[in-house]
Protein backbone atom coordinates (compact mmCIF):
# COMPACT_ATOMS: atom_id res chain seq x y z
CA MET A 1 101.50 135.07 83.49
CA GLY A 2 101.15 132.47 86.23
CA TYR A 3 100.25 128.83 86.33
CA SER A 4 96.72 127.50 86.68
CA GLY A 5 95.56 126.80 90.24
CA LYS A 6 95.99 123.04 89.96
CA VAL A 7 99.53 123.31 88.60
CA GLN A 8 100.51 125.90 91.22
CA ARG A 9 99.22 123.66 94.04
CA SER A 10 101.33 120.78 92.68
CA ILE A 11 104.40 123.03 92.56
CA ASP A 12 103.78 124.23 96.12
CA ALA A 13 103.31 120.65 97.38
CA ALA A 14 106.54 119.51 95.72
CA ALA A 15 108.42 122.46 97.21
CA GLY A 16 107.06 121.71 100.70
CA LYS A 17 105.07 124.94 100.86
CA ALA A 18 101.61 123.38 100.84
CA LYS A 19 100.07 121.59 103.78
CA PRO A 20 98.26 118.29 103.30
CA ILE A 21 94.49 118.35 103.60
CA GLY A 22 94.53 115.13 105.60
CA TYR A 23 96.04 111.69 106.11
CA VAL A 24 95.03 108.12 105.38
CA PHE A 25 96.63 104.82 106.31
CA MET A 26 97.52 102.47 103.51
CA VAL A 27 98.54 98.84 103.25
CA ASP A 28 100.78 98.21 100.26
CA THR A 29 99.14 100.48 97.65
CA GLN A 30 95.52 100.36 98.85
CA VAL A 31 93.88 102.96 101.06
CA LYS A 32 92.44 101.16 104.09
CA GLY A 33 91.20 104.02 106.26
CA PRO A 34 89.14 107.19 105.88
CA LEU A 35 90.60 110.66 105.38
CA ARG A 36 91.60 112.12 108.75
CA GLN A 37 92.61 115.66 109.73
CA THR A 38 95.75 114.66 111.62
CA ARG A 39 98.42 111.99 111.32
CA ALA A 40 97.59 110.82 114.87
CA GLU A 41 94.00 110.04 113.88
CA ALA A 42 95.22 108.02 110.87
CA VAL A 43 97.62 106.10 113.13
CA GLN A 44 94.73 105.38 115.51
CA ASP A 45 92.75 103.95 112.57
CA ALA A 46 95.71 101.69 111.74
CA VAL A 47 95.93 100.50 115.36
CA GLU A 48 92.20 99.75 115.44
CA ALA A 49 92.52 97.79 112.16
CA ARG A 50 95.44 95.82 113.66
CA GLU A 51 97.85 97.11 111.02
CA ALA A 52 99.92 98.75 113.76
CA HIS A 53 100.62 98.07 117.40
CA VAL A 54 101.59 100.16 120.39
CA ASP A 55 104.65 99.19 122.37
CA VAL A 56 103.66 100.13 125.92
CA GLN A 57 107.19 99.85 127.28
CA TYR A 58 108.62 102.46 124.91
CA GLY A 59 105.42 104.40 124.16
CA ARG A 60 105.86 104.06 120.40
CA VAL A 61 103.62 102.91 117.58
CA PHE A 62 105.04 100.35 115.18
CA LEU A 63 103.41 99.88 111.79
CA GLU A 64 103.20 96.43 110.27
CA PRO A 65 105.25 95.78 107.12
CA LEU A 66 103.81 97.51 104.03
CA THR A 67 101.66 99.80 106.20
CA TRP A 68 102.22 103.53 106.01
CA ILE A 69 100.53 106.86 106.74
CA ALA A 70 100.12 108.91 103.58
CA PRO A 71 99.48 112.65 103.37
CA ILE A 72 96.78 113.75 100.92
CA TRP A 73 97.64 116.93 99.04
CA PRO A 74 95.10 119.39 97.62
């Protein structure tokens, strides 16, 4: 006897076996951007919203304080 589909997906996500369905950027605890397929697209949304900036000298993206890219699990 196995678990229901929802419970099994939660177990797989916790074990690192599941892949996220997309990414969003958040400020503090509020979602500020739309669901994107890749982390890079979510970072681009954060840059466009001025919640992140690109350091041209080092080629890195720095998020503002309390800004983070969150995976969305099935």
